Amino acid sequence: MKTTANTILITGGSAGIGLEMARQFVALGNKVIITGRDEARLNKAAAELGNVTAIPFDVSDANSVASLVSRIKTEFPDLNVLVNNAGRAAVHNLAEGNNAYDIAEAEIHTNFLSVIRLTELLLPVLKGQQASAVINVSSIVAFVPGQSLPTYSASKAALHSYTKSLRLALRDTTVKVFELMPPLVNTELSAEIGGENGIAPSVLVDDLIDGFSTDRFEIRTGQTEDMYRFYLSSPENALLAMNGLS
């Protein structure tokens, strides 16, 4: 997939991984649209990046999605890359009975169901381009769950499964389907689980750009690749190691 002269929509593009994606894609000569729920933070990101379009947007809200899709079709009919990056995560313990259902409902809605809705609504635009792509951002926990992020892990496992099905469904179209699987990354989202020990967002996005340019459809960066190989050889031991129990 070409890495320049694309029109790219990045959900959750105002901070963390999404912001770094926007920065690197802009530097490569792409037209970039970033979205986020926090308008002030979104505008700050747009000011920092310069040559981007910022659109306040809540991926979990049906009316917001409809408005965004309408605007894309009108103002950006050349959209050819959709990056489903927006996400939410909560640390909790399933053994303590601390509102797991409500936490899971919010995570599944944002991290999984909302991806399906937005992708489906934008597929007609993407399929109309000569070359296009969907990039879904899942996680190392799509393979091996972390007990402190149990329902987040489940949402990313669902996204991984959906992404594989989507790739098969679109195999005879112009749309390529990528999955970026980060390990621990040093972002605001991961602060509660020791994100300062993770890799820099720039390292992750460097690998994304490389995988994108070489059609490496499952981009398992750093420790994700290691854990994936461990999981294939011994699922039980990989689960213990992921959770510091080995």
Protein backbone atom coordinates (compact mmCIF):
# COMPACT_ATOMS: atom_id res chain seq x y z
CA MET A 1 0.00 0.00 0.00
CA LYS A 2 1.35 3.43 -0.85
CA THR A 3 2.26 5.61 2.10
CA THR A 4 1.89 9.02 0.46
CA ALA A 5 -0.83 10.98 -1.35
CA ASN A 6 -3.60 9.26 0.60
CA THR A 7 -6.63 10.80 2.30
CA ILE A 8 -6.68 9.30 5.79
CA LEU A 9 -9.29 9.41 8.54
CA ILE A 10 -7.95 8.64 12.03
CA THR A 11 -10.45 8.20 14.85
CA GLY A 12 -9.06 9.06 18.25
CA GLY A 13 -6.42 11.20 16.57
CA SER A 14 -6.02 13.88 19.21
CA ALA A 15 -3.60 12.05 21.54
CA GLY A 16 -1.34 9.05 21.97
CA ILE A 17 -1.03 6.58 19.13
CA GLY A 18 -3.56 8.39 16.93
CA LEU A 19 -1.74 11.70 17.23
CA GLU A 20 1.58 10.09 16.33
CA MET A 21 -0.04 8.41 13.33
CA ALA A 22 -1.35 11.76 12.17
CA ARG A 23 2.08 13.35 12.63
CA GLN A 24 3.88 10.72 10.59
CA PHE A 25 1.27 10.45 7.85
CA VAL A 26 1.24 14.23 7.41
CA ALA A 27 5.03 14.22 7.17
CA LEU A 28 4.77 11.66 4.36
CA GLY A 29 2.54 13.94 2.31
CA ASN A 30 -0.91 12.62 3.09
CA LYS A 31 -4.15 14.52 3.66
CA VAL A 32 -5.16 13.66 7.24
CA ILE A 33 -8.46 14.03 9.11
CA ILE A 34 -8.38 13.53 12.88
CA THR A 35 -11.35 13.06 15.17
CA GLY A 36 -11.84 13.07 18.93
CA ARG A 37 -14.50 13.56 21.58
CA ASP A 38 -12.61 16.28 23.47
CA GLU A 39 -12.87 19.32 21.20
CA ALA A 40 -10.30 21.37 23.10
CA ARG A 41 -7.71 18.61 22.95
CA LEU A 42 -8.58 17.96 19.31
CA ASN A 43 -8.02 21.62 18.43
CA LYS A 44 -4.74 21.61 20.32
CA ALA A 45 -3.60 18.59 18.33
CA ALA A 46 -4.64 20.23 15.07
CA ALA A 47 -2.69 23.38 15.96
CA GLU A 48 0.37 21.26 16.77
CA LEU A 49 0.19 19.27 13.55
CA GLY A 50 -0.73 22.11 11.25
CA ASN A 51 -1.89 20.58 7.98
CA VAL A 52 -4.81 18.45 9.19
CA THR A 53 -8.60 18.68 9.36
CA ALA A 54 -10.02 18.25 12.87
CA ILE A 55 -13.60 17.03 13.33
CA PRO A 56 -15.15 16.63 16.80
CA PHE A 57 -16.64 13.15 16.82
CA ASP A 58 -17.86 10.44 19.17
CA VAL A 59 -17.51 7.04 17.52
CA SER A 60 -19.99 5.52 19.96
CA ASP A 61 -22.82 7.97 19.14
CA ALA A 62 -25.02 7.06 16.16
CA ASN A 63 -25.91 10.66 15.29
CA SER A 64 -22.26 11.71 15.42
CA VAL A 65 -21.34 8.82 13.14
CA ALA A 66 -24.04 9.73 10.63
CA SER A 67 -22.88 13.34 10.60
CA LEU A 68 -19.25 12.37 10.07
CA VAL A 69 -20.03 9.93 7.26
CA SER A 70 -22.14 12.56 5.50
CA ARG A 71 -19.33 15.09 5.79
CA ILE A 72 -16.74 12.64 4.50
CA LYS A 73 -18.85 11.82 1.46
CA THR A 74 -19.33 15.51 0.68
CA GLU A 75 -15.95 17.03 1.57
CA PHE A 76 -13.56 14.09 1.27
CA PRO A 77 -14.89 11.79 -1.46
CA ASP A 78 -11.31 10.71 -2.12
CA LEU A 79 -10.99 9.11 1.34
CA ASN A 80 -9.02 5.91 0.88
CA VAL A 81 -7.69 5.00 4.34
CA LEU A 82 -9.76 4.52 7.48
CA VAL A 83 -7.87 4.08 10.76
CA ASN A 84 -10.10 2.73 13.54
CA ASN A 85 -7.99 3.84 16.48
CA ALA A 86 -10.44 5.29 19.02
CA GLY A 87 -10.67 3.16 22.13
CA ARG A 88 -11.34 3.01 25.82
CA ALA A 89 -10.00 0.82 28.61
CA ALA A 90 -10.65 0.38 32.32
CA VAL A 91 -8.61 -1.45 34.92
CA HIS A 92 -10.81 -3.67 37.10
CA ASN A 93 -10.88 -7.01 38.87
CA LEU A 94 -13.55 -9.53 37.86
CA ALA A 95 -13.34 -11.21 41.28
CA GLU A 96 -14.42 -8.06 43.10
CA GLY A 97 -17.73 -7.52 41.31
CA ASN A 98 -17.08 -3.83 40.62
CA ASN A 99 -19.48 -3.03 37.80
CA ALA A 100 -17.92 -5.30 35.20
CA TYR A 101 -21.02 -5.30 33.00
CA ASP A 102 -21.15 -1.53 32.57
CA ILE A 103 -17.40 -1.35 31.97
CA ALA A 104 -17.61 -4.11 29.38
CA GLU A 105 -20.60 -2.52 27.67
CA ALA A 106 -18.71 0.75 27.17
CA GLU A 107 -15.53 -0.98 26.00
CA ILE A 108 -17.27 -3.36 23.61
CA HIS A 109 -19.31 -0.50 22.15
CA THR A 110 -16.31 1.75 21.52
CA ASN A 111 -13.62 -0.81 20.72
CA PHE A 112 -15.65 -3.26 18.66
CA LEU A 113 -19.24 -2.45 17.69
CA SER A 114 -18.46 1.14 16.73
CA VAL A 115 -15.68 -0.07 14.45
CA ILE A 116 -18.11 -2.32 12.62
CA ARG A 117 -20.63 0.50 12.14
CA LEU A 118 -18.19 3.14 10.91
CA THR A 119 -16.36 0.73 8.63
CA GLU A 120 -19.57 -0.52 7.05
CA LEU A 121 -20.82 3.02 6.41
CA LEU A 122 -17.54 4.14 4.83
CA LEU A 123 -16.91 1.01 2.77
CA PRO A 124 -18.75 2.38 -0.29
CA VAL A 125 -16.33 5.34 -0.31
CA LEU A 126 -13.28 3.12 0.18
CA LYS A 127 -14.35 0.59 -2.43
CA GLY A 128 -14.69 3.41 -4.95
CA GLN A 129 -10.95 4.18 -4.83
CA GLN A 130 -8.24 2.54 -6.89
CA ALA A 131 -6.33 1.59 -3.74
CA SER A 132 -7.66 1.79 -0.20
CA ALA A 133 -7.26 0.36 3.27
CA VAL A 134 -8.79 -0.16 6.68
CA ILE A 135 -6.41 -0.18 9.66
CA ASN A 136 -7.86 -1.57 12.89
CA VAL A 137 -5.87 -0.98 16.07
CA SER A 138 -6.21 -3.95 18.40
CA SER A 139 -3.66 -5.01 21.02
CA ILE A 140 -1.30 -7.64 22.32
CA VAL A 141 -4.20 -8.73 24.57
CA ALA A 142 -6.15 -9.82 21.49
CA PHE A 143 -4.07 -13.01 21.78
CA VAL A 144 -3.39 -13.27 25.50
CA PRO A 145 -5.65 -11.38 27.94
CA GLY A 146 -4.41 -9.29 30.82
CA GLN A 147 -6.32 -9.93 34.04
CA SER A 148 -6.27 -6.23 34.99
CA LEU A 149 -7.96 -5.36 31.67
CA PRO A 150 -10.32 -8.33 31.30
CA THR A 151 -13.15 -6.80 29.31
CA TYR A 152 -10.84 -4.56 27.28
CA SER A 153 -8.94 -7.73 26.35
CA ALA A 154 -12.19 -9.36 25.30
CA SER A 155 -13.13 -6.38 23.12
CA LYS A 156 -9.77 -6.51 21.34
CA ALA A 157 -10.04 -10.26 20.82
CA ALA A 158 -13.41 -9.64 19.18
CA LEU A 159 -11.89 -6.91 17.01
CA HIS A 160 -9.10 -9.27 15.94
CA SER A 161 -11.61 -11.90 14.88
CA TYR A 162 -13.73 -9.34 13.01
CA THR A 163 -10.66 -7.96 11.24
CA LYS A 164 -9.71 -11.38 9.92
CA SER A 165 -13.26 -11.90 8.63
CA LEU A 166 -13.31 -8.44 7.06
CA ARG A 167 -10.02 -9.14 5.29
CA LEU A 168 -11.47 -12.31 3.78
CA ALA A 169 -14.71 -10.58 2.78
CA LEU A 170 -12.84 -7.79 0.97
CA ARG A 171 -10.18 -9.94 -0.66
CA ASP A 172 -11.58 -9.34 -4.16
CA THR A 173 -11.99 -5.56 -3.74
CA THR A 174 -9.57 -2.64 -3.72
CA VAL A 175 -9.68 -2.49 0.10
CA LYS A 176 -6.77 -3.97 2.04
CA VAL A 177 -7.34 -4.71 5.74
CA PHE A 178 -4.55 -4.21 8.25
CA GLU A 179 -4.41 -4.84 11.98
CA LEU A 180 -1.97 -3.00 14.21
CA MET A 181 -1.31 -4.91 17.43
CA PRO A 182 0.57 -2.71 19.91
CA PRO A 183 2.34 -3.99 23.00
CA LEU A 184 2.42 -1.67 26.01
CA VAL A 185 2.82 1.89 24.66
CA ASN A 186 3.65 4.96 26.71
CA THR A 187 0.42 6.95 26.34
CA GLU A 188 -2.16 8.57 28.59
CA LEU A 189 -4.48 5.60 28.04
CA SER A 190 -1.92 3.17 29.46
CA ALA A 191 -0.76 5.25 32.42
CA GLU A 192 -2.76 3.19 34.91
CA ILE A 193 -1.06 -0.05 33.86
CA GLY A 194 2.53 1.21 33.82
CA GLY A 195 2.58 2.81 30.41
CA GLU A 196 5.81 4.63 31.23
CA ASN A 197 7.52 1.25 30.80
CA GLY A 198 6.14 0.83 27.29
CA ILE A 199 7.54 1.75 23.90
CA ALA A 200 7.20 5.26 22.50
CA PRO A 201 4.26 5.85 20.13
CA SER A 202 6.78 6.80 17.43
CA VAL A 203 8.32 3.30 17.55
CA LEU A 204 4.91 1.73 17.05
CA VAL A 205 3.96 4.02 14.19
CA ASP A 206 7.34 3.49 12.49
CA ASP A 207 6.46 -0.20 12.39
CA LEU A 208 2.96 0.58 11.15
CA ILE A 209 4.36 2.59 8.24
CA ASP A 210 6.74 -0.24 7.38
CA GLY A 211 3.97 -2.85 7.54
CA PHE A 212 1.62 -0.63 5.55
CA SER A 213 4.18 -0.15 2.79
CA THR A 214 4.94 -3.87 2.51
CA ASP A 215 1.39 -5.23 2.90
CA ARG A 216 2.16 -6.88 6.23
CA PHE A 217 -1.47 -7.20 7.21
CA GLU A 218 -0.95 -8.25 10.84
CA ILE A 219 1.53 -5.80 12.33
CA ARG A 220 2.69 -7.31 15.63
CA THR A 221 5.14 -4.80 17.05
CA GLY A 222 7.90 -5.66 19.53
CA GLN A 223 6.67 -7.69 22.49
CA THR A 224 3.43 -8.48 20.68
CA GLU A 225 5.37 -10.62 18.20
CA ASP A 226 7.22 -12.32 21.06
CA MET A 227 4.01 -13.01 22.98
CA TYR A 228 2.28 -14.22 19.83
CA ARG A 229 5.03 -16.79 19.21
CA PHE A 230 4.92 -17.85 22.86
CA TYR A 231 1.14 -18.18 22.66
CA LEU A 232 1.40 -20.44 19.59
CA SER A 233 3.84 -22.73 21.40
CA SER A 234 2.14 -22.76 24.82
CA PRO A 235 -1.13 -20.88 25.37
CA GLU A 236 -1.26 -21.67 29.10
CA ASN A 237 2.29 -20.51 29.80
CA ALA A 238 1.79 -17.41 27.67
CA LEU A 239 -1.26 -16.50 29.77
CA LEU A 240 0.72 -16.90 32.98
CA ALA A 241 3.62 -14.86 31.63
CA MET A 242 1.36 -12.06 30.43
CA ASN A 243 -0.02 -11.74 33.93
CA GLY A 244 3.26 -12.08 35.82
CA LEU A 245 2.42 -15.52 37.14
CA SER A 246 5.11 -17.61 35.46
